[in-house]
């Protein structure tokens, strides 16, 4: 057994402590990411009225809400590919296959450039048609098109960062990935008011300034992550030869990553569908959902951060053939995410009013957002279980199981229910219940699939260990 396998903390350290040491930096990173998403909306909501147009800030928040599904789609392809790279690289590292580790990393970078090319074309030619499919309001259409076009044309920052972040996480160097994430987030937060409102001699750019602040922050994160990968990631060899795509490597990446992409893309599809469905209730409901989604990200992103610690921990020890540590990784991962979601539930039920008040919306929108927060938060514990179990599925290569859970919670249950509830007389109250109901149904299925994976994959690990050590 190589020195890396015997000294890597994922294979030797106390599982609960190592998971926290890996997870806390990622949680802080993800929470800060959510923070600057919220800050974007807070500043945009305060854009001053222009000419005969009143409530310009609310128009701007609505435009960001309509653009958000495509931004989520960018993240879906970047993070999903990164998840495949993360799990495959960690597994290969556990098996001491250094050459494959290098190829996985190089192929991941090359795939990022291909993904960017696709979104660049969409940014140049497709944004107006996309925004127009969700609104007929000329002001929102113009603002949404401007914002989204900039985010797409300069999306190479977030896509490449997603890969380099996972390359650092896959070998347990989560502190460096966090520094990269924090660097971009701080730059975004600082630039937002400067570019939106025109401080320090810059012109007032409004929603365009918010877009530029976002992409500049993403590019900073990308550059910092690249630096750390090429200077600190000694476990991963680098070189131009590893950038050449290999069909076998790409296939293995996407066996794990494609379900993660689809899972993230389903979030985009769900938000797009919800925007259209809620638009039949009122424009205020669409804006309220957009605001709540940004607030909710604080809790969900914290869960995602810990999920990203579960995946390499379980995957590494699965590749190493250590059943005991695999099961410990699953147990503590689910426990920690459950605690995070419980804290989030308490916070939203207790402090919803002041949180929503930060966005300076109309009274109708504010009341709807408060109502949405209190109802949707009731499903957080089930959502936490789903997030944790999906991280386990990704680590074990059970991409289809992860996909099934995602389809249930993000499409099959929530969208038909939301549409059905719009037909009720009290639709503005009922529509929000679609979300916790969907999480509960998905959780029941996720638990059943996890028990099946335990019998078919985890229990026979000892036999596979004998094969790996030959």
Protein backbone atom coordinates (compact mmCIF):
# COMPACT_ATOMS: atom_id res chain seq x y z
CA UNK A 1 0.00 0.00 0.00
CA UNK A 2 1.41 3.43 -0.98
CA UNK A 3 2.31 6.16 1.45
CA UNK A 4 -0.59 8.37 0.24
CA UNK A 5 -3.17 5.72 1.06
CA UNK A 6 -1.76 5.06 4.53
CA UNK A 7 -1.32 8.73 5.52
CA UNK A 8 -4.28 10.48 3.85
CA UNK A 9 -6.51 11.70 6.66
CA UNK A 10 -9.63 10.35 4.94
CA UNK A 11 -8.26 6.85 5.46
CA UNK A 12 -6.63 7.18 8.86
CA UNK A 13 -8.13 9.97 10.97
CA UNK A 14 -11.17 9.84 13.23
CA UNK A 15 -14.15 9.86 10.84
CA UNK A 16 -16.33 12.40 12.71
CA UNK A 17 -13.37 14.75 13.25
CA UNK A 18 -12.05 14.44 9.69
CA UNK A 19 -15.52 14.95 8.26
CA UNK A 20 -15.92 18.11 10.30
CA UNK A 21 -12.44 19.33 9.39
CA UNK A 22 -13.30 18.84 5.72
CA UNK A 23 -16.91 19.92 5.99
CA UNK A 24 -16.69 23.10 8.06
CA UNK A 25 -14.53 24.98 5.53
CA UNK A 26 -16.90 23.91 2.76
CA UNK A 27 -19.92 24.89 4.83
CA UNK A 28 -18.44 28.33 5.46
CA UNK A 29 -17.59 28.58 1.78
CA UNK A 30 -21.09 27.61 0.65
CA UNK A 31 -22.78 29.85 3.23
CA UNK A 32 -20.70 32.78 2.03
CA UNK A 33 -21.72 31.89 -1.53
CA UNK A 34 -25.35 32.08 -0.41
CA UNK A 35 -24.56 35.32 1.38
CA UNK A 36 -23.41 37.10 -1.73
CA UNK A 37 -26.39 35.75 -3.67
CA UNK A 38 -28.59 37.42 -1.07
CA UNK A 39 -26.49 40.58 -1.06
CA UNK A 40 -26.96 40.79 -4.85
CA UNK A 41 -30.73 40.78 -4.42
CA UNK A 42 -30.61 43.20 -1.45
CA UNK A 43 -28.67 45.79 -3.43
CA UNK A 44 -30.66 45.24 -6.60
CA UNK A 45 -33.90 45.68 -4.63
CA UNK A 46 -32.71 49.20 -3.78
CA UNK A 47 -32.21 50.37 -7.36
CA UNK A 48 -33.85 53.77 -7.56
CA UNK A 49 -36.99 54.46 -9.56
CA UNK A 50 -36.42 55.89 -13.02
CA UNK A 51 -38.67 58.30 -14.92
CA UNK A 52 -42.27 57.18 -14.68
CA UNK A 53 -41.29 53.69 -13.48
CA UNK A 54 -41.94 52.99 -9.81
CA UNK A 55 -40.83 49.93 -7.81
CA UNK A 56 -37.78 49.56 -10.06
CA UNK A 57 -36.04 47.49 -7.37
CA UNK A 58 -38.87 44.97 -7.33
CA UNK A 59 -38.71 44.72 -11.12
CA UNK A 60 -34.97 44.04 -10.80
CA UNK A 61 -35.45 41.29 -8.19
CA UNK A 62 -38.07 39.70 -10.43
CA UNK A 63 -35.62 39.82 -13.37
CA UNK A 64 -32.96 38.08 -11.25
CA UNK A 65 -35.52 35.45 -10.26
CA UNK A 66 -36.28 34.69 -13.92
CA UNK A 67 -32.58 34.56 -14.82
CA UNK A 68 -31.74 32.31 -11.87
CA UNK A 69 -32.76 28.94 -13.41
CA UNK A 70 -30.14 29.33 -16.17
CA UNK A 71 -27.50 30.35 -13.64
CA UNK A 72 -28.41 27.18 -11.76
CA UNK A 73 -28.03 25.23 -15.00
CA UNK A 74 -24.49 26.55 -15.41
CA UNK A 75 -23.73 25.41 -11.88
CA UNK A 76 -25.41 22.07 -12.64
CA UNK A 77 -22.98 21.24 -15.41
CA UNK A 78 -19.96 22.62 -13.58
CA UNK A 79 -20.70 21.07 -10.20
CA UNK A 80 -22.10 17.86 -11.69
CA UNK A 81 -18.95 17.28 -13.73
CA UNK A 82 -16.93 18.21 -10.65
CA UNK A 83 -18.82 15.66 -8.54
CA UNK A 84 -17.87 12.94 -11.03
CA UNK A 85 -14.25 14.11 -11.02
CA UNK A 86 -14.28 14.34 -7.21
CA UNK A 87 -15.62 10.84 -6.58
CA UNK A 88 -13.57 9.12 -9.32
CA UNK A 89 -10.37 10.88 -8.32
CA UNK A 90 -10.84 10.08 -4.62
CA UNK A 91 -11.58 6.46 -5.46
CA UNK A 92 -8.53 6.21 -7.74
CA UNK A 93 -6.41 7.79 -5.02
CA UNK A 94 -7.66 5.20 -2.55
CA UNK A 95 -6.65 2.50 -5.06
CA UNK A 96 -3.21 4.16 -5.46
CA UNK A 97 -3.59 4.63 -9.23
CA UNK A 98 -1.60 7.87 -9.67
CA UNK A 99 -1.75 7.86 -13.46
CA UNK A 100 -5.52 7.61 -13.46
CA UNK A 101 -5.74 10.34 -10.85
CA UNK A 102 -3.85 12.69 -13.20
CA UNK A 103 -6.01 11.75 -16.18
CA UNK A 104 -9.22 12.31 -14.24
CA UNK A 105 -8.06 15.80 -13.23
CA UNK A 106 -6.92 16.73 -16.75
CA UNK A 107 -10.06 15.43 -18.42
CA UNK A 108 -12.18 17.38 -15.92
CA UNK A 109 -10.51 20.64 -16.94
CA UNK A 110 -10.98 19.92 -20.66
CA UNK A 111 -14.66 19.12 -20.12
CA UNK A 112 -15.08 22.50 -18.39
CA UNK A 113 -14.00 24.33 -21.55
CA UNK A 114 -16.50 22.37 -23.64
CA UNK A 115 -19.30 23.22 -21.20
CA UNK A 116 -18.36 26.91 -21.34
CA UNK A 117 -18.53 26.96 -25.15
CA UNK A 118 -22.16 25.77 -25.01
CA UNK A 119 -23.24 28.43 -22.50
CA UNK A 120 -21.34 31.12 -24.40
CA UNK A 121 -23.47 30.42 -27.48
CA UNK A 122 -26.65 30.51 -25.41
CA UNK A 123 -25.57 33.81 -23.87
CA UNK A 124 -25.01 35.34 -27.31
CA UNK A 125 -28.19 34.12 -28.98
CA UNK A 126 -30.77 32.70 -26.53
CA UNK A 127 -31.28 34.90 -23.48
CA UNK A 128 -34.08 37.18 -24.73
CA UNK A 129 -36.20 34.24 -25.88
CA UNK A 130 -35.65 32.49 -22.56
CA UNK A 131 -36.61 35.47 -20.35
CA UNK A 132 -39.53 36.19 -22.67
CA UNK A 133 -40.94 32.71 -22.05
CA UNK A 134 -41.58 33.68 -18.41
CA UNK A 135 -42.79 37.28 -18.62
CA UNK A 136 -44.51 39.70 -20.97
CA UNK A 137 -43.41 42.74 -18.98
CA UNK A 138 -41.03 44.82 -21.15
CA UNK A 139 -39.08 46.22 -18.19
CA UNK A 140 -38.43 42.80 -16.64
CA UNK A 141 -37.62 41.36 -20.08
CA UNK A 142 -34.97 44.01 -20.75
CA UNK A 143 -33.40 43.81 -17.29
CA UNK A 144 -33.38 40.01 -17.23
CA UNK A 145 -31.85 39.76 -20.70
CA UNK A 146 -29.05 42.21 -19.87
CA UNK A 147 -28.18 40.48 -16.59
CA UNK A 148 -28.28 36.93 -17.91
CA UNK A 149 -26.32 37.68 -21.10
CA UNK A 150 -23.36 38.98 -19.08
CA UNK A 151 -23.47 36.02 -16.67
CA UNK A 152 -23.47 33.52 -19.57
CA UNK A 153 -20.82 35.14 -21.76
CA UNK A 154 -18.42 35.27 -18.82
CA UNK A 155 -19.46 31.96 -17.25
CA UNK A 156 -16.01 30.39 -17.72
CA UNK A 157 -15.15 31.61 -14.21
CA UNK A 158 -17.83 29.65 -12.36
CA UNK A 159 -17.46 26.56 -14.59
CA UNK A 160 -13.69 26.23 -14.22
CA UNK A 161 -13.88 27.08 -10.52
CA UNK A 162 -16.35 24.21 -10.05
CA UNK A 163 -13.77 21.76 -11.40
CA UNK A 164 -10.74 23.10 -9.53
CA UNK A 165 -12.76 23.31 -6.32
CA UNK A 166 -13.61 19.61 -6.58
CA UNK A 167 -10.02 18.72 -7.40
CA UNK A 168 -8.96 20.28 -4.12
CA UNK A 169 -11.83 18.73 -2.17
CA UNK A 170 -11.21 15.25 -3.58
CA UNK A 171 -7.85 15.01 -1.82
CA UNK A 172 -9.11 16.58 1.40
CA UNK A 173 -7.66 20.08 0.83
CA UNK A 174 -10.95 21.80 1.58
CA UNK A 175 -9.31 24.81 3.26
CA UNK A 176 -7.81 25.87 -0.07
CA UNK A 177 -11.10 25.48 -1.92
CA UNK A 178 -12.75 27.57 0.79
CA UNK A 179 -10.16 30.33 0.46
CA UNK A 180 -10.84 30.42 -3.27
CA UNK A 181 -14.60 30.58 -2.74
CA UNK A 182 -14.29 33.26 -0.05
CA UNK A 183 -11.99 35.39 -2.21
CA UNK A 184 -14.54 35.60 -5.02
CA UNK A 185 -17.44 36.14 -2.64
CA UNK A 186 -15.74 39.05 -0.90
CA UNK A 187 -14.88 40.66 -4.24
CA UNK A 188 -18.51 40.27 -5.35
CA UNK A 189 -19.92 41.77 -2.17
CA UNK A 190 -17.54 44.74 -2.32
CA UNK A 191 -18.16 45.40 -6.02
CA UNK A 192 -21.96 45.11 -5.85
CA UNK A 193 -22.77 48.55 -4.38
CA UNK A 194 -19.87 50.18 -6.22
CA UNK A 195 -21.00 49.00 -9.65
CA UNK A 196 -24.77 49.10 -9.08
CA UNK A 197 -24.93 52.60 -7.57
CA UNK A 198 -21.81 54.14 -9.16
CA UNK A 199 -19.42 54.87 -6.29
CA UNK A 200 -15.78 56.04 -6.57
CA UNK A 201 -16.30 57.73 -9.92
CA UNK A 202 -17.89 54.76 -11.68
CA UNK A 203 -21.18 55.26 -13.53
CA UNK A 204 -24.43 53.87 -12.10
CA UNK A 205 -24.84 50.53 -13.84
CA UNK A 206 -27.90 49.15 -12.07
CA UNK A 207 -28.62 45.50 -12.77
CA UNK A 208 -25.76 45.39 -15.29
CA UNK A 209 -23.38 46.30 -12.47
CA UNK A 210 -24.75 43.42 -10.40
CA UNK A 211 -23.99 41.04 -13.26
CA UNK A 212 -20.42 42.29 -13.68
CA UNK A 213 -19.79 42.12 -9.94
CA UNK A 214 -20.97 38.49 -9.97
CA UNK A 215 -18.79 37.30 -12.86
CA UNK A 216 -15.70 39.17 -11.65
CA UNK A 217 -16.06 37.45 -8.28
CA UNK A 218 -16.38 34.08 -10.02
CA UNK A 219 -13.24 34.70 -12.07
CA UNK A 220 -11.29 35.62 -8.92
CA UNK A 221 -12.41 32.34 -7.29
CA UNK A 222 -11.32 30.43 -10.38
CA UNK A 223 -7.84 32.00 -10.44
CA UNK A 224 -7.24 31.37 -6.73
CA UNK A 225 -8.42 27.75 -6.99
CA UNK A 226 -6.18 27.18 -10.02
CA UNK A 227 -3.21 28.54 -8.11
CA UNK A 228 -3.78 26.25 -5.15
CA UNK A 229 -4.37 23.21 -7.35
CA UNK A 230 -1.15 23.60 -9.30
CA UNK A 231 0.99 24.54 -6.29
CA UNK A 232 -0.51 22.56 -3.37
CA UNK A 233 -2.18 19.49 -4.88
CA UNK A 234 0.93 17.29 -4.82
CA UNK A 235 -1.13 14.09 -4.99
CA UNK A 236 -2.30 15.02 -8.50
CA UNK A 237 0.19 15.17 -11.37
CA UNK A 238 -0.35 17.88 -13.98
CA UNK A 239 0.64 18.18 -17.62
CA UNK A 240 -0.74 18.91 -21.08
CA UNK A 241 -0.89 15.21 -21.94
CA UNK A 242 -3.51 14.67 -19.24
CA UNK A 243 -5.83 17.25 -20.83
CA UNK A 244 -6.45 14.95 -23.79
CA UNK A 245 -9.94 13.50 -23.43
CA UNK A 246 -10.09 9.73 -23.01
CA UNK A 247 -13.41 8.06 -23.68
CA UNK A 248 -13.05 5.64 -20.77
CA UNK A 249 -12.21 8.40 -18.27
CA UNK A 250 -14.99 10.68 -19.52
CA UNK A 251 -17.46 7.81 -19.30
CA UNK A 252 -16.44 7.03 -15.71
CA UNK A 253 -16.70 10.70 -14.74
CA UNK A 254 -20.22 10.97 -16.10
CA UNK A 255 -21.42 7.63 -14.77
CA UNK A 256 -21.15 9.43 -11.44
CA UNK A 257 -21.46 13.03 -12.60
CA UNK A 258 -24.34 12.83 -15.08
CA UNK A 259 -26.93 12.01 -12.42
CA UNK A 260 -25.51 14.90 -10.37
CA UNK A 261 -25.84 17.19 -13.40
CA UNK A 262 -29.40 16.06 -13.96
CA UNK A 263 -30.09 16.47 -10.25
CA UNK A 264 -28.85 20.07 -10.30
CA UNK A 265 -30.52 20.72 -13.65
CA UNK A 266 -33.79 19.54 -12.19
CA UNK A 267 -33.48 22.34 -9.63
CA UNK A 268 -33.19 24.73 -12.57
CA UNK A 269 -36.17 23.12 -14.31
CA UNK A 270 -38.20 23.21 -11.09
CA UNK A 271 -37.49 26.91 -10.54
CA UNK A 272 -38.35 27.68 -14.16
CA UNK A 273 -41.59 25.72 -13.82
CA UNK A 274 -42.43 27.34 -10.48
CA UNK A 275 -41.87 30.81 -11.98
CA UNK A 276 -44.42 30.05 -14.70
CA UNK A 277 -46.93 28.31 -12.37
CA UNK A 278 -46.74 30.97 -9.66
CA UNK A 279 -47.09 33.66 -12.32
CA UNK A 280 -50.67 32.43 -12.72
CA UNK A 281 -51.28 33.38 -9.09
CA UNK A 282 -49.52 36.75 -9.09
CA UNK A 283 -46.25 38.43 -10.03
CA UNK A 284 -45.76 39.03 -6.31
CA UNK A 285 -45.75 35.25 -5.72
CA UNK A 286 -42.91 34.84 -8.26
CA UNK A 287 -40.87 37.58 -6.58
CA UNK A 288 -41.63 36.19 -3.10
CA UNK A 289 -40.42 32.75 -4.16
CA UNK A 290 -37.24 34.25 -5.60
CA UNK A 291 -36.49 36.06 -2.34
CA UNK A 292 -37.26 33.01 -0.21
CA UNK A 293 -35.05 30.83 -2.42
CA UNK A 294 -32.11 33.16 -1.74
CA UNK A 295 -32.76 33.04 2.03
CA UNK A 296 -33.19 29.25 1.93
CA UNK A 297 -29.78 28.91 0.27
CA UNK A 298 -28.09 29.74 3.59
CA UNK A 299 -29.38 26.49 5.03
CA UNK A 300 -29.30 24.32 1.93
CA UNK A 301 -25.80 25.45 0.91
CA UNK A 302 -24.54 24.55 4.38
CA UNK A 303 -26.01 21.08 3.84
CA UNK A 304 -24.43 20.89 0.38
CA UNK A 305 -21.06 21.81 1.90
CA UNK A 306 -21.20 18.88 4.29
CA UNK A 307 -22.52 16.60 1.55
CA UNK A 308 -19.35 17.46 -0.37
CA UNK A 309 -17.38 16.13 2.60
CA UNK A 310 -19.44 12.93 2.71
CA UNK A 311 -18.74 12.07 -0.93
CA UNK A 312 -14.90 11.97 -0.89
CA UNK A 313 -14.81 10.43 2.61
CA UNK A 314 -17.11 7.55 1.70
CA UNK A 315 -15.66 7.20 -1.82
CA UNK A 316 -12.04 7.08 -0.60
CA UNK A 317 -12.76 4.36 1.95
CA UNK A 318 -14.96 2.48 -0.50
CA UNK A 319 -12.04 2.41 -2.92
CA UNK A 320 -9.72 1.41 -0.08
CA UNK A 321 -12.09 -1.38 0.96
CA UNK A 322 -12.74 -0.19 4.53
CA UNK A 323 -16.38 -1.01 5.28
CA UNK A 324 -16.25 0.27 8.86
CA UNK A 325 -15.14 3.74 7.80
CA UNK A 326 -17.67 3.82 4.95
CA UNK A 327 -20.50 3.18 7.40
CA UNK A 328 -19.13 5.73 9.86
CA UNK A 329 -18.93 8.30 7.06
CA UNK A 330 -22.58 7.70 6.20
CA UNK A 331 -23.75 7.87 9.82
CA UNK A 332 -21.92 11.04 10.80
CA UNK A 333 -22.69 12.73 7.48
CA UNK A 334 -26.42 12.20 7.94
CA UNK A 335 -26.21 13.24 11.61
CA UNK A 336 -24.37 16.49 10.88
CA UNK A 337 -26.61 17.48 7.97
CA UNK A 338 -29.67 16.73 10.11
CA UNK A 339 -28.36 19.12 12.77
CA UNK A 340 -27.74 21.83 10.15
CA UNK A 341 -31.26 21.53 8.77
CA UNK A 342 -32.80 21.58 12.27
CA UNK A 343 -30.94 24.80 13.05
CA UNK A 344 -32.15 26.23 9.74
CA UNK A 345 -35.73 25.29 10.56
CA UNK A 346 -35.55 27.06 13.92
CA UNK A 347 -33.97 30.18 12.38
CA UNK A 348 -36.57 30.52 9.63
CA UNK A 349 -39.51 29.91 11.93
CA UNK A 350 -38.16 32.44 14.43
CA UNK A 351 -36.54 35.20 12.38
CA UNK A 352 -38.42 35.17 9.08
CA UNK A 353 -39.86 38.68 9.45
CA UNK A 354 -36.56 40.57 9.90
CA UNK A 355 -34.87 38.47 7.19
CA UNK A 356 -37.57 39.23 4.63
CA UNK A 357 -37.57 42.87 5.70
CA UNK A 358 -34.00 43.23 4.42
CA UNK A 359 -35.25 43.20 0.83
CA UNK A 360 -37.44 46.34 0.97
CA UNK A 361 -40.31 44.81 -1.02
CA UNK A 362 -43.96 45.82 -1.27
CA UNK A 363 -46.22 44.70 1.58
CA UNK A 364 -47.94 42.08 -0.60
CA UNK A 365 -44.65 40.49 -1.67
CA UNK A 366 -43.26 40.66 1.87
CA UNK A 367 -46.29 38.89 3.38
CA UNK A 368 -46.18 36.15 0.75
CA UNK A 369 -42.46 35.61 1.37
CA UNK A 370 -43.01 35.30 5.14
CA UNK A 371 -45.79 32.79 4.56
CA UNK A 372 -43.63 30.79 2.12
CA UNK A 373 -40.71 30.66 4.57
CA UNK A 374 -42.75 29.35 7.48
CA UNK A 375 -44.48 26.66 5.41
CA UNK A 376 -41.57 25.41 3.28
CA UNK A 377 -39.22 25.26 6.28
CA UNK A 378 -41.35 22.45 7.76
CA UNK A 379 -39.81 20.12 5.15
CA UNK A 380 -36.18 20.94 5.94
CA UNK A 381 -35.47 17.81 7.98
CA UNK A 382 -36.65 15.58 5.13
CA UNK A 383 -34.66 17.70 2.68
CA UNK A 384 -31.54 17.24 4.83
CA UNK A 385 -31.94 13.47 4.72
CA UNK A 386 -32.30 13.59 0.95
CA UNK A 387 -29.16 15.73 0.55
CA UNK A 388 -27.07 13.45 2.77
CA UNK A 389 -28.25 10.24 1.14
CA UNK A 390 -27.61 11.63 -2.33
CA UNK A 391 -24.02 12.39 -1.28
CA UNK A 392 -23.66 8.74 -0.25
CA UNK A 393 -25.12 7.54 -3.56
CA UNK A 394 -22.60 9.68 -5.47
CA UNK A 395 -19.73 8.23 -3.44
CA UNK A 396 -20.82 4.64 -4.09
CA UNK A 397 -21.43 5.18 -7.81
CA UNK A 398 -25.21 4.81 -7.40
CA UNK A 399 -25.99 7.67 -9.75
CA UNK A 400 -29.39 6.32 -10.76
CA UNK A 401 -30.55 6.14 -7.15
CA UNK A 402 -29.52 9.76 -6.61
CA UNK A 403 -31.35 10.73 -9.78
CA UNK A 404 -34.56 9.00 -8.68
CA UNK A 405 -34.58 10.98 -5.43
CA UNK A 406 -33.96 14.23 -7.31
CA UNK A 407 -36.69 13.61 -9.86
CA UNK A 408 -39.19 12.95 -7.08
CA UNK A 409 -38.37 15.97 -4.92
CA UNK A 410 -37.79 18.48 -7.71
CA UNK A 411 -40.24 17.54 -10.47
CA UNK A 412 -42.57 14.58 -10.20
CA UNK A 413 -44.22 15.66 -6.94
CA UNK A 414 -43.64 19.38 -6.49
CA UNK A 415 -44.61 20.77 -9.90
CA UNK A 416 -47.94 18.93 -10.32
CA UNK A 417 -48.85 19.77 -6.72
CA UNK A 418 -47.95 23.43 -7.18
CA UNK A 419 -50.08 23.57 -10.34
CA UNK A 420 -52.97 21.80 -8.58
CA UNK A 421 -52.82 24.19 -5.62
CA UNK A 422 -53.09 27.22 -7.94
CA UNK A 423 -56.65 26.03 -8.64
CA UNK A 424 -57.65 26.43 -4.99
CA UNK A 425 -59.50 29.50 -3.79
CA UNK A 426 -56.70 30.14 -1.27
CA UNK A 427 -53.94 29.45 -3.82
CA UNK A 428 -51.57 32.04 -2.33
CA UNK A 429 -51.51 29.89 0.84
CA UNK A 430 -51.67 26.37 -0.63
CA UNK A 431 -48.94 26.62 -3.30
CA UNK A 432 -46.14 26.65 -0.72
CA UNK A 433 -47.15 23.24 0.71
CA UNK A 434 -46.01 21.54 -2.51
CA UNK A 435 -42.38 21.77 -1.36
CA UNK A 436 -42.43 20.01 2.07
CA UNK A 437 -44.78 17.33 0.70
CA UNK A 438 -42.33 16.61 -2.13
CA UNK A 439 -39.38 16.36 0.30
CA UNK A 440 -41.28 13.89 2.49
CA UNK A 441 -42.19 11.60 -0.40
CA UNK A 442 -38.62 11.69 -1.75
CA UNK A 443 -37.19 10.92 1.71
CA UNK A 444 -39.21 7.72 2.04
CA UNK A 445 -37.88 6.53 -1.32
CA UNK A 446 -34.31 7.63 -0.50
CA UNK A 447 -34.25 5.56 2.70
CA UNK A 448 -35.51 2.48 0.85
CA UNK A 449 -32.82 2.89 -1.83
CA UNK A 450 -30.11 3.39 0.82
CA UNK A 451 -31.07 0.13 2.52
CA UNK A 452 -30.82 -1.61 -0.85
CA UNK A 453 -27.37 -0.08 -1.47
CA UNK A 454 -26.25 -1.23 1.96
CA UNK A 455 -27.10 -4.83 1.12
CA UNK A 456 -25.74 -4.84 -2.43
CA UNK A 457 -22.68 -2.59 -2.17
CA UNK A 458 -21.56 -1.83 1.37
CA UNK A 459 -21.86 -5.26 2.97
CA UNK A 460 -19.69 -7.02 0.29
CA UNK A 461 -16.87 -4.43 0.59
CA UNK A 462 -14.53 -6.83 2.38
CA UNK A 463 -14.51 -9.17 -0.61
CA UNK A 464 -13.59 -6.32 -2.96
CA UNK A 465 -10.81 -5.29 -0.60
CA UNK A 466 -9.07 -8.62 -1.19
CA UNK A 467 -9.14 -7.96 -4.94
CA UNK A 468 -7.74 -4.39 -4.57
CA UNK A 469 -4.84 -5.61 -2.42
CA UNK A 470 -3.68 -8.38 -4.75
